[in-house]
Amino acid sequence: MKLSDIESEDRKKGQSKELEGEITRDIIEILEEEGITVQMLVDAALELYAPHPGIETRELAEAKFLEELDIAISDPNLCLLVYSGVLLENEGQKGRLPNISKSSYEKDLTFIIADEVLGTSIARYISGDKGMFEFVRFDKKKPGILAELGPFMDDIIGGLIGGVSANMYTRAMAEAAGKSKKKEPESE
């Protein structure tokens, strides 16, 4: 039997398809409460910066990174993924994670991969396989704030920076290519 053969009924009909109500918490505010500022994200991203068309200077890269970060965090699903990492980190610090002792959490045991899964999921959610590549770069090097964060947050923030960074490079290169096409004289 194929999934397409299964009849389904819409058990959620009538449910709103848009966010409702006043938003009372912002993911950037939550990260700042955890001691992680936007500038720290930028600084970590730019530690692995490599000039590309459209972002030939660090200043251009920083502006593009901030633009891409704003786009990324406008998505409530991404914010919830990041927030899940905040909650897991806080529970780990208190020794309240299921099936993991506080000392195991503090050692960041290599066979515990939930943190990596969340980090890669965030990077992939933001920018697909390019985000995965960037996540791996940031996870291995641990630039800036990533070296100071706990077992969950280093991967959560690494995924966020990796995904945003991948989009920064992709969009900057696409925009640069579009500008160069407009400048080229048409040949007959």
N, C-alpha and C. Protein backbone atom coordinates (compact mmCIF):
# COMPACT_ATOMS: atom_id res chain seq x y z
N MET A 1 0.84 -1.18 0.00
CA MET A 1 0.00 0.00 0.00
C MET A 1 0.89 1.25 0.00
N LYS A 2 0.54 2.19 -0.85
CA LYS A 2 1.26 3.46 -0.92
C LYS A 2 0.59 4.49 -0.02
N LEU A 3 1.37 5.44 0.42
CA LEU A 3 0.80 6.52 1.22
C LEU A 3 -0.31 7.24 0.45
N SER A 4 -0.12 7.37 -0.86
CA SER A 4 -1.12 8.08 -1.66
C SER A 4 -2.44 7.31 -1.75
N ASP A 5 -2.41 6.02 -1.42
CA ASP A 5 -3.64 5.21 -1.44
C ASP A 5 -4.47 5.38 -0.16
N ILE A 6 -3.87 5.93 0.85
CA ILE A 6 -4.57 6.09 2.12
C ILE A 6 -5.45 7.32 2.07
N GLU A 7 -6.73 7.10 2.35
CA GLU A 7 -7.65 8.23 2.36
C GLU A 7 -7.43 9.01 3.65
N SER A 8 -7.52 10.30 3.52
CA SER A 8 -7.34 11.13 4.71
C SER A 8 -8.50 12.10 4.82
N GLU A 9 -8.75 12.48 6.03
CA GLU A 9 -9.75 13.52 6.24
C GLU A 9 -9.06 14.67 6.95
N ASP A 10 -9.52 15.85 6.66
CA ASP A 10 -8.93 17.04 7.25
C ASP A 10 -9.50 17.24 8.64
N ARG A 11 -8.80 16.73 9.64
CA ARG A 11 -9.27 16.83 11.02
C ARG A 11 -8.98 18.20 11.62
N LYS A 12 -8.27 19.03 10.88
CA LYS A 12 -7.94 20.36 11.39
C LYS A 12 -8.61 21.46 10.57
N LYS A 13 -9.66 21.10 9.82
CA LYS A 13 -10.31 22.14 9.02
C LYS A 13 -10.89 23.20 9.94
N GLY A 14 -10.85 24.39 9.47
CA GLY A 14 -11.31 25.51 10.26
C GLY A 14 -10.20 26.14 11.11
N GLN A 15 -9.04 25.45 11.19
CA GLN A 15 -7.93 26.00 11.94
C GLN A 15 -7.28 27.14 11.15
N SER A 16 -6.83 28.15 11.84
CA SER A 16 -6.19 29.28 11.19
C SER A 16 -4.92 28.83 10.49
N LYS A 17 -4.63 29.43 9.37
CA LYS A 17 -3.41 29.12 8.64
C LYS A 17 -2.37 30.22 8.82
N GLU A 18 -2.65 31.17 9.71
CA GLU A 18 -1.75 32.27 9.99
C GLU A 18 -1.53 32.40 11.49
N LEU A 19 -0.40 33.00 11.85
CA LEU A 19 -0.13 33.26 13.26
C LEU A 19 -1.15 34.26 13.78
N GLU A 20 -1.54 34.07 15.02
CA GLU A 20 -2.50 34.97 15.63
C GLU A 20 -1.95 35.49 16.94
N GLY A 21 -2.48 36.59 17.39
CA GLY A 21 -2.12 37.13 18.69
C GLY A 21 -0.81 37.88 18.68
N GLU A 22 -0.53 38.48 19.82
CA GLU A 22 0.67 39.28 19.97
C GLU A 22 1.87 38.38 20.30
N ILE A 23 2.96 38.61 19.61
CA ILE A 23 4.19 37.88 19.89
C ILE A 23 4.84 38.51 21.11
N THR A 24 5.08 37.71 22.14
CA THR A 24 5.60 38.26 23.39
C THR A 24 7.08 37.98 23.59
N ARG A 25 7.62 37.02 22.84
CA ARG A 25 9.04 36.70 23.00
C ARG A 25 9.69 36.63 21.63
N ASP A 26 10.87 37.17 21.53
CA ASP A 26 11.63 37.19 20.29
C ASP A 26 12.88 36.33 20.48
N ILE A 27 13.24 35.53 19.49
CA ILE A 27 14.37 34.61 19.64
C ILE A 27 15.68 35.36 19.91
N ILE A 28 15.85 36.52 19.33
CA ILE A 28 17.07 37.30 19.58
C ILE A 28 17.13 37.73 21.04
N GLU A 29 15.99 38.16 21.59
CA GLU A 29 15.94 38.52 23.01
C GLU A 29 16.27 37.32 23.89
N ILE A 30 15.75 36.16 23.53
CA ILE A 30 16.01 34.94 24.30
C ILE A 30 17.49 34.59 24.25
N LEU A 31 18.09 34.68 23.06
CA LEU A 31 19.53 34.39 22.95
C LEU A 31 20.34 35.39 23.77
N GLU A 32 19.94 36.66 23.74
CA GLU A 32 20.65 37.66 24.53
C GLU A 32 20.54 37.36 26.03
N GLU A 33 19.38 36.87 26.47
CA GLU A 33 19.23 36.45 27.87
C GLU A 33 20.21 35.32 28.21
N GLU A 34 20.55 34.53 27.21
CA GLU A 34 21.50 33.42 27.39
C GLU A 34 22.95 33.88 27.21
N GLY A 35 23.13 35.18 26.97
CA GLY A 35 24.48 35.73 26.81
C GLY A 35 25.03 35.65 25.40
N ILE A 36 24.14 35.46 24.42
CA ILE A 36 24.56 35.33 23.02
C ILE A 36 23.98 36.51 22.24
N THR A 37 24.83 37.44 21.84
CA THR A 37 24.37 38.63 21.13
C THR A 37 24.49 38.44 19.62
N VAL A 38 23.80 39.29 18.89
CA VAL A 38 23.90 39.28 17.43
C VAL A 38 25.34 39.54 17.01
N GLN A 39 26.01 40.45 17.70
CA GLN A 39 27.40 40.74 17.34
C GLN A 39 28.28 39.51 17.52
N MET A 40 28.02 38.70 18.52
CA MET A 40 28.77 37.46 18.70
C MET A 40 28.54 36.50 17.53
N LEU A 41 27.32 36.46 17.03
CA LEU A 41 27.01 35.61 15.87
C LEU A 41 27.79 36.11 14.65
N VAL A 42 27.76 37.42 14.45
CA VAL A 42 28.48 38.02 13.32
C VAL A 42 29.98 37.75 13.44
N ASP A 43 30.53 37.99 14.63
CA ASP A 43 31.97 37.79 14.84
C ASP A 43 32.39 36.34 14.56
N ALA A 44 31.59 35.39 15.04
CA ALA A 44 31.92 33.98 14.80
C ALA A 44 31.83 33.66 13.31
N ALA A 45 30.80 34.17 12.65
CA ALA A 45 30.65 33.92 11.21
C ALA A 45 31.83 34.49 10.42
N LEU A 46 32.25 35.68 10.79
CA LEU A 46 33.31 36.34 10.03
C LEU A 46 34.70 35.79 10.33
N GLU A 47 34.85 35.01 11.39
CA GLU A 47 36.14 34.36 11.63
C GLU A 47 36.48 33.37 10.52
N LEU A 48 35.45 32.81 9.89
CA LEU A 48 35.68 31.87 8.78
C LEU A 48 35.33 32.49 7.43
N TYR A 49 35.19 33.79 7.40
CA TYR A 49 34.84 34.52 6.17
C TYR A 49 35.90 34.32 5.09
N ALA A 50 35.42 34.09 3.88
CA ALA A 50 36.28 34.03 2.69
C ALA A 50 35.65 34.93 1.64
N PRO A 51 36.40 35.88 1.09
CA PRO A 51 35.83 36.78 0.09
C PRO A 51 35.22 36.02 -1.09
N HIS A 52 34.08 36.48 -1.53
CA HIS A 52 33.36 35.93 -2.67
C HIS A 52 32.81 37.10 -3.48
N PRO A 53 32.43 36.87 -4.72
CA PRO A 53 31.78 37.95 -5.47
C PRO A 53 30.55 38.45 -4.71
N GLY A 54 30.47 39.75 -4.59
CA GLY A 54 29.36 40.37 -3.88
C GLY A 54 29.64 40.64 -2.42
N ILE A 55 30.61 39.95 -1.86
CA ILE A 55 31.02 40.20 -0.47
C ILE A 55 32.55 40.17 -0.41
N GLU A 56 33.13 41.07 -1.16
CA GLU A 56 34.58 41.14 -1.28
C GLU A 56 35.26 41.66 -0.02
N THR A 57 34.50 42.35 0.84
CA THR A 57 35.10 42.90 2.06
C THR A 57 34.33 42.37 3.27
N ARG A 58 34.98 42.44 4.42
CA ARG A 58 34.33 42.02 5.67
C ARG A 58 33.11 42.88 5.97
N GLU A 59 33.17 44.15 5.62
CA GLU A 59 32.04 45.05 5.87
C GLU A 59 30.83 44.62 5.06
N LEU A 60 31.05 44.29 3.78
CA LEU A 60 29.95 43.80 2.95
C LEU A 60 29.42 42.47 3.48
N ALA A 61 30.33 41.61 3.91
CA ALA A 61 29.92 40.30 4.44
C ALA A 61 29.08 40.48 5.71
N GLU A 62 29.50 41.38 6.58
CA GLU A 62 28.74 41.60 7.81
C GLU A 62 27.33 42.11 7.50
N ALA A 63 27.23 43.04 6.59
CA ALA A 63 25.92 43.58 6.22
C ALA A 63 25.03 42.49 5.62
N LYS A 64 25.61 41.67 4.75
CA LYS A 64 24.84 40.59 4.12
C LYS A 64 24.46 39.52 5.15
N PHE A 65 25.37 39.21 6.08
CA PHE A 65 25.06 38.22 7.12
C PHE A 65 23.87 38.71 7.96
N LEU A 66 23.90 39.98 8.36
CA LEU A 66 22.81 40.53 9.17
C LEU A 66 21.48 40.51 8.41
N GLU A 67 21.55 40.80 7.12
CA GLU A 67 20.35 40.76 6.28
C GLU A 67 19.79 39.33 6.24
N GLU A 68 20.66 38.36 6.03
CA GLU A 68 20.24 36.95 5.97
C GLU A 68 19.76 36.45 7.33
N LEU A 69 20.37 36.91 8.41
CA LEU A 69 19.93 36.53 9.74
C LEU A 69 18.51 37.04 9.98
N ASP A 70 18.23 38.28 9.60
CA ASP A 70 16.88 38.83 9.75
C ASP A 70 15.86 38.00 8.99
N ILE A 71 16.22 37.59 7.78
CA ILE A 71 15.31 36.76 6.99
C ILE A 71 15.08 35.42 7.70
N ALA A 72 16.15 34.80 8.17
CA ALA A 72 16.05 33.48 8.80
C ALA A 72 15.18 33.54 10.05
N ILE A 73 15.41 34.51 10.91
CA ILE A 73 14.68 34.53 12.18
C ILE A 73 13.26 35.08 12.05
N SER A 74 12.88 35.45 10.83
CA SER A 74 11.48 35.83 10.62
C SER A 74 10.60 34.58 10.53
N ASP A 75 11.21 33.41 10.46
CA ASP A 75 10.49 32.14 10.35
C ASP A 75 10.26 31.56 11.75
N PRO A 76 9.01 31.47 12.18
CA PRO A 76 8.75 30.95 13.52
C PRO A 76 9.23 29.50 13.72
N ASN A 77 9.23 28.70 12.67
CA ASN A 77 9.70 27.33 12.80
C ASN A 77 11.18 27.28 13.15
N LEU A 78 11.96 28.12 12.50
CA LEU A 78 13.38 28.19 12.83
C LEU A 78 13.57 28.66 14.26
N CYS A 79 12.82 29.66 14.66
CA CYS A 79 12.94 30.18 16.03
C CYS A 79 12.61 29.09 17.05
N LEU A 80 11.64 28.26 16.75
CA LEU A 80 11.30 27.16 17.66
C LEU A 80 12.40 26.11 17.72
N LEU A 81 13.05 25.85 16.59
CA LEU A 81 14.18 24.91 16.60
C LEU A 81 15.32 25.46 17.46
N VAL A 82 15.62 26.73 17.30
CA VAL A 82 16.68 27.35 18.11
C VAL A 82 16.28 27.33 19.58
N TYR A 83 15.04 27.65 19.85
CA TYR A 83 14.56 27.67 21.23
C TYR A 83 14.62 26.29 21.87
N SER A 84 14.38 25.25 21.09
CA SER A 84 14.48 23.89 21.65
C SER A 84 15.90 23.65 22.16
N GLY A 85 16.89 24.17 21.46
CA GLY A 85 18.27 24.03 21.92
C GLY A 85 18.52 24.79 23.21
N VAL A 86 17.92 25.97 23.33
CA VAL A 86 18.05 26.76 24.56
C VAL A 86 17.48 25.96 25.73
N LEU A 87 16.29 25.40 25.52
CA LEU A 87 15.65 24.64 26.59
C LEU A 87 16.46 23.40 26.96
N LEU A 88 16.96 22.68 25.97
CA LEU A 88 17.78 21.49 26.24
C LEU A 88 19.05 21.87 26.99
N GLU A 89 19.68 22.94 26.58
CA GLU A 89 20.90 23.39 27.25
C GLU A 89 20.61 23.71 28.72
N ASN A 90 19.53 24.44 28.96
CA ASN A 90 19.18 24.81 30.33
C ASN A 90 18.84 23.58 31.17
N GLU A 91 18.14 22.63 30.60
CA GLU A 91 17.82 21.40 31.33
C GLU A 91 19.08 20.58 31.60
N GLY A 92 20.00 20.56 30.65
CA GLY A 92 21.26 19.85 30.84
C GLY A 92 22.08 20.44 31.97
N GLN A 93 22.11 21.76 32.04
CA GLN A 93 22.85 22.44 33.11
C GLN A 93 22.27 22.12 34.48
N LYS A 94 20.96 21.86 34.52
CA LYS A 94 20.30 21.53 35.79
C LYS A 94 20.34 20.02 36.07
N GLY A 95 20.86 19.23 35.12
CA GLY A 95 20.89 17.78 35.29
C GLY A 95 19.53 17.14 35.12
N ARG A 96 18.67 17.74 34.29
CA ARG A 96 17.30 17.25 34.15
C ARG A 96 16.97 16.72 32.76
N LEU A 97 17.98 16.33 31.98
CA LEU A 97 17.71 15.73 30.68
C LEU A 97 17.34 14.26 30.88
N PRO A 98 16.39 13.75 30.11
CA PRO A 98 16.01 12.35 30.26
C PRO A 98 17.15 11.41 29.82
N ASN A 99 17.42 10.42 30.64
CA ASN A 99 18.39 9.35 30.35
C ASN A 99 19.83 9.81 30.21
N ILE A 100 20.15 11.01 30.66
CA ILE A 100 21.53 11.52 30.61
C ILE A 100 21.82 12.17 31.96
N SER A 101 22.89 11.75 32.60
CA SER A 101 23.27 12.37 33.87
C SER A 101 23.86 13.75 33.60
N LYS A 102 23.90 14.56 34.63
CA LYS A 102 24.49 15.90 34.51
C LYS A 102 25.96 15.80 34.11
N SER A 103 26.69 14.84 34.69
CA SER A 103 28.11 14.71 34.35
C SER A 103 28.29 14.26 32.90
N SER A 104 27.40 13.40 32.40
CA SER A 104 27.48 13.00 30.98
C SER A 104 27.20 14.19 30.07
N TYR A 105 26.21 15.00 30.45
CA TYR A 105 25.91 16.22 29.68
C TYR A 105 27.13 17.13 29.64
N GLU A 106 27.76 17.34 30.80
CA GLU A 106 28.90 18.25 30.89
C GLU A 106 30.10 17.76 30.10
N LYS A 107 30.24 16.45 29.93
CA LYS A 107 31.36 15.89 29.17
C LYS A 107 31.12 15.95 27.67
N ASP A 108 29.88 16.25 27.25
CA ASP A 108 29.53 16.31 25.83
C ASP A 108 29.98 15.03 25.13
N LEU A 109 29.48 13.90 25.62
CA LEU A 109 29.87 12.59 25.12
C LEU A 109 29.61 12.46 23.62
N THR A 110 30.54 11.86 22.91
CA THR A 110 30.45 11.79 21.45
C THR A 110 29.30 10.92 20.96
N PHE A 111 28.86 9.97 21.76
CA PHE A 111 27.76 9.12 21.30
C PHE A 111 26.40 9.78 21.49
N ILE A 112 26.35 10.91 22.18
CA ILE A 112 25.12 11.70 22.27
C ILE A 112 25.12 12.63 21.06
N ILE A 113 24.24 12.35 20.12
CA ILE A 113 24.26 13.11 18.86
C ILE A 113 23.03 13.99 18.66
N ALA A 114 22.14 14.05 19.65
CA ALA A 114 20.94 14.88 19.50
C ALA A 114 21.31 16.33 19.22
N ASP A 115 22.40 16.80 19.84
CA ASP A 115 22.84 18.18 19.61
C ASP A 115 23.27 18.38 18.17
N GLU A 116 23.98 17.42 17.62
CA GLU A 116 24.42 17.49 16.21
C GLU A 116 23.21 17.43 15.27
N VAL A 117 22.25 16.57 15.60
CA VAL A 117 21.05 16.44 14.77
C VAL A 117 20.31 17.77 14.73
N LEU A 118 20.17 18.42 15.88
CA LEU A 118 19.50 19.72 15.91
C LEU A 118 20.29 20.77 15.12
N GLY A 119 21.60 20.80 15.31
CA GLY A 119 22.42 21.77 14.59
C GLY A 119 22.34 21.58 13.08
N THR A 120 22.45 20.33 12.63
CA THR A 120 22.36 20.07 11.20
C THR A 120 20.96 20.36 10.67
N SER A 121 19.95 20.07 11.48
CA SER A 121 18.57 20.35 11.06
C SER A 121 18.35 21.84 10.87
N ILE A 122 18.89 22.63 11.76
CA ILE A 122 18.75 24.09 11.64
C ILE A 122 19.47 24.58 10.39
N ALA A 123 20.70 24.15 10.20
CA ALA A 123 21.47 24.58 9.02
C ALA A 123 20.77 24.16 7.73
N ARG A 124 20.30 22.93 7.70
CA ARG A 124 19.62 22.42 6.50
C ARG A 124 18.29 23.12 6.29
N TYR A 125 17.59 23.41 7.36
CA TYR A 125 16.30 24.11 7.24
C TYR A 125 16.50 25.48 6.60
N ILE A 126 17.56 26.16 7.01
CA ILE A 126 17.81 27.51 6.49
C ILE A 126 18.28 27.47 5.05
N SER A 127 19.22 26.59 4.72
CA SER A 127 19.82 26.68 3.39
C SER A 127 20.22 25.33 2.76
N GLY A 128 19.58 24.28 3.13
CA GLY A 128 19.80 22.99 2.47
C GLY A 128 21.21 22.45 2.67
N ASP A 129 21.69 21.74 1.67
CA ASP A 129 23.00 21.08 1.78
C ASP A 129 24.15 22.07 1.94
N LYS A 130 24.01 23.25 1.36
CA LYS A 130 25.05 24.27 1.55
C LYS A 130 25.15 24.64 3.03
N GLY A 131 24.03 24.71 3.70
CA GLY A 131 24.02 24.99 5.12
C GLY A 131 24.69 23.87 5.91
N MET A 132 24.47 22.63 5.48
CA MET A 132 25.13 21.49 6.14
C MET A 132 26.64 21.61 6.03
N PHE A 133 27.13 21.97 4.85
CA PHE A 133 28.57 22.14 4.65
C PHE A 133 29.11 23.22 5.59
N GLU A 134 28.40 24.34 5.64
CA GLU A 134 28.84 25.43 6.51
C GLU A 134 28.77 25.02 7.99
N PHE A 135 27.72 24.28 8.37
CA PHE A 135 27.62 23.81 9.75
C PHE A 135 28.85 22.99 10.12
N VAL A 136 29.26 22.10 9.25
CA VAL A 136 30.43 21.25 9.53
C VAL A 136 31.67 22.13 9.70
N ARG A 137 31.84 23.12 8.83
CA ARG A 137 33.00 24.02 8.97
C ARG A 137 33.00 24.70 10.33
N PHE A 138 31.86 25.22 10.72
CA PHE A 138 31.78 25.93 11.99
C PHE A 138 31.87 24.98 13.18
N ASP A 139 31.32 23.79 13.05
CA ASP A 139 31.36 22.82 14.14
C ASP A 139 32.79 22.33 14.40
N LYS A 140 33.56 22.17 13.35
CA LYS A 140 34.95 21.71 13.51
C LYS A 140 35.86 22.80 14.07
N LYS A 141 35.70 24.01 13.57
CA LYS A 141 36.59 25.12 13.98
C LYS A 141 36.17 25.79 15.28
N LYS A 142 34.88 25.80 15.56
CA LYS A 142 34.32 26.44 16.76
C LYS A 142 34.85 27.88 16.94
N PRO A 143 34.63 28.74 15.95
CA PRO A 143 35.11 30.12 16.09
C PRO A 143 34.27 30.92 17.08
N GLY A 144 34.88 31.94 17.66
CA GLY A 144 34.17 32.89 18.50
C GLY A 144 33.39 32.25 19.62
N ILE A 145 32.14 32.66 19.75
CA ILE A 145 31.26 32.22 20.82
C ILE A 145 31.05 30.71 20.81
N LEU A 146 31.18 30.06 19.67
CA LEU A 146 30.93 28.62 19.61
C LEU A 146 31.85 27.83 20.54
N ALA A 147 33.06 28.32 20.74
CA ALA A 147 34.01 27.63 21.62
C ALA A 147 33.62 27.75 23.10
N GLU A 148 32.76 28.70 23.40
CA GLU A 148 32.39 28.96 24.80
C GLU A 148 31.05 28.37 25.20
N LEU A 149 30.27 27.93 24.22
CA LEU A 149 28.92 27.46 24.50
C LEU A 149 28.90 26.01 24.95
N GLY A 150 27.80 25.64 25.60
CA GLY A 150 27.62 24.28 26.08
C GLY A 150 27.34 23.29 24.97
N PRO A 151 27.17 22.02 25.34
CA PRO A 151 27.03 20.93 24.37
C PRO A 151 25.89 21.09 23.37
N PHE A 152 24.77 21.64 23.77
CA PHE A 152 23.67 21.83 22.82
C PHE A 152 23.80 23.15 22.08
N MET A 153 24.09 24.21 22.81
CA MET A 153 24.08 25.53 22.18
C MET A 153 25.18 25.72 21.15
N ASP A 154 26.33 25.06 21.31
CA ASP A 154 27.37 25.24 20.28
C ASP A 154 26.88 24.71 18.94
N ASP A 155 26.12 23.62 18.95
CA ASP A 155 25.60 23.08 17.70
C ASP A 155 24.38 23.85 17.19
N ILE A 156 23.55 24.28 18.10
CA ILE A 156 22.37 25.08 17.71
C ILE A 156 22.83 26.37 17.04
N ILE A 157 23.72 27.09 17.69
CA ILE A 157 24.21 28.35 17.16
C ILE A 157 25.09 28.10 15.94
N GLY A 158 25.86 27.01 15.95
CA GLY A 158 26.64 26.64 14.76
C GLY A 158 25.75 26.39 13.56
N GLY A 159 24.61 25.73 13.79
CA GLY A 159 23.65 25.50 12.71
C GLY A 159 23.04 26.79 12.20
N LEU A 160 22.72 27.69 13.12
CA LEU A 160 22.16 28.99 12.74
C LEU A 160 23.18 29.79 11.93
N ILE A 161 24.39 29.89 12.44
CA ILE A 161 25.43 30.64 11.74
C ILE A 161 25.76 29.97 10.39
N GLY A 162 25.85 28.65 10.39
CA GLY A 162 26.17 27.94 9.15
C GLY A 162 25.11 28.14 8.08
N GLY A 163 23.85 28.03 8.46
CA GLY A 163 22.77 28.22 7.49
C GLY A 163 22.70 29.64 6.97
N VAL A 164 22.81 30.60 7.87
CA VAL A 164 22.78 32.01 7.47
C VAL A 164 23.99 32.34 6.62
N SER A 165 25.15 31.83 7.01
CA SER A 165 26.38 32.08 6.26
C SER A 165 26.28 31.52 4.84
N ALA A 166 25.75 30.31 4.71
CA ALA A 166 25.59 29.72 3.38
C ALA A 166 24.69 30.59 2.51
N ASN A 167 23.60 31.07 3.07
CA ASN A 167 22.71 31.96 2.31
C ASN A 167 23.40 33.28 1.97
N MET A 168 24.23 33.77 2.89
CA MET A 168 24.97 35.00 2.65
C MET A 168 25.82 34.87 1.38
N TYR A 169 26.58 33.78 1.31
CA TYR A 169 27.44 33.56 0.14
C TYR A 169 26.62 33.36 -1.13
N THR A 170 25.60 32.53 -1.04
CA THR A 170 24.78 32.22 -2.21
C THR A 170 24.10 33.47 -2.77
N ARG A 171 23.44 34.22 -1.89
CA ARG A 171 22.71 35.40 -2.36
C ARG A 171 23.67 36.48 -2.87
N ALA A 172 24.78 36.68 -2.18
CA ALA A 172 25.75 37.70 -2.62
C ALA A 172 26.30 37.35 -3.99
N MET A 173 26.61 36.08 -4.21
CA MET A 173 27.14 35.68 -5.52
C MET A 173 26.07 35.83 -6.61
N ALA A 174 24.83 35.48 -6.29
CA ALA A 174 23.75 35.61 -7.27
C ALA A 174 23.51 37.07 -7.61
N GLU A 175 23.51 37.92 -6.60
CA GLU A 175 23.32 39.35 -6.85
C GLU A 175 24.48 39.92 -7.65
N ALA A 176 25.70 39.50 -7.34
CA ALA A 176 26.87 39.98 -8.10
C ALA A 176 26.79 39.51 -9.55
N ALA A 177 26.37 38.29 -9.76
CA ALA A 177 26.23 37.78 -11.14
C ALA A 177 25.15 38.55 -11.90
N GLY A 178 24.06 38.87 -11.21
CA GLY A 178 22.99 39.65 -11.83
C GLY A 178 23.44 41.04 -12.20
N LYS A 179 24.25 41.66 -11.36
CA LYS A 179 24.77 43.00 -11.64
C LYS A 179 25.73 42.96 -12.81
N SER A 180 26.58 41.91 -12.89
CA SER A 180 27.56 41.85 -13.97
C SER A 180 26.86 41.59 -15.30
N LYS A 181 25.74 40.86 -15.31
CA LYS A 181 25.00 40.63 -16.55
C LYS A 181 24.39 41.92 -17.06
N LYS A 182 23.93 42.77 -16.14
CA LYS A 182 23.34 44.04 -16.53
C LYS A 182 24.37 44.98 -17.12
N LYS A 183 25.61 44.87 -16.68
CA LYS A 183 26.68 45.75 -17.14
C LYS A 183 27.24 45.33 -18.50
N GLU A 184 27.13 44.03 -18.81
CA GLU A 184 27.71 43.54 -20.08
C GLU A 184 26.93 44.08 -21.25
N PRO A 185 27.63 44.58 -22.28
CA PRO A 185 26.92 45.04 -23.48
C PRO A 185 26.37 43.84 -24.24
N GLU A 186 25.21 44.04 -24.80
CA GLU A 186 24.61 42.94 -25.57
C GLU A 186 25.33 42.78 -26.89
N SER A 187 25.60 41.55 -27.24
CA SER A 187 26.28 41.27 -28.52
C SER A 187 25.24 40.72 -29.49
N GLU A 188 25.50 41.01 -30.76
CA GLU A 188 24.56 40.56 -31.78
C GLU A 188 25.15 39.45 -32.60
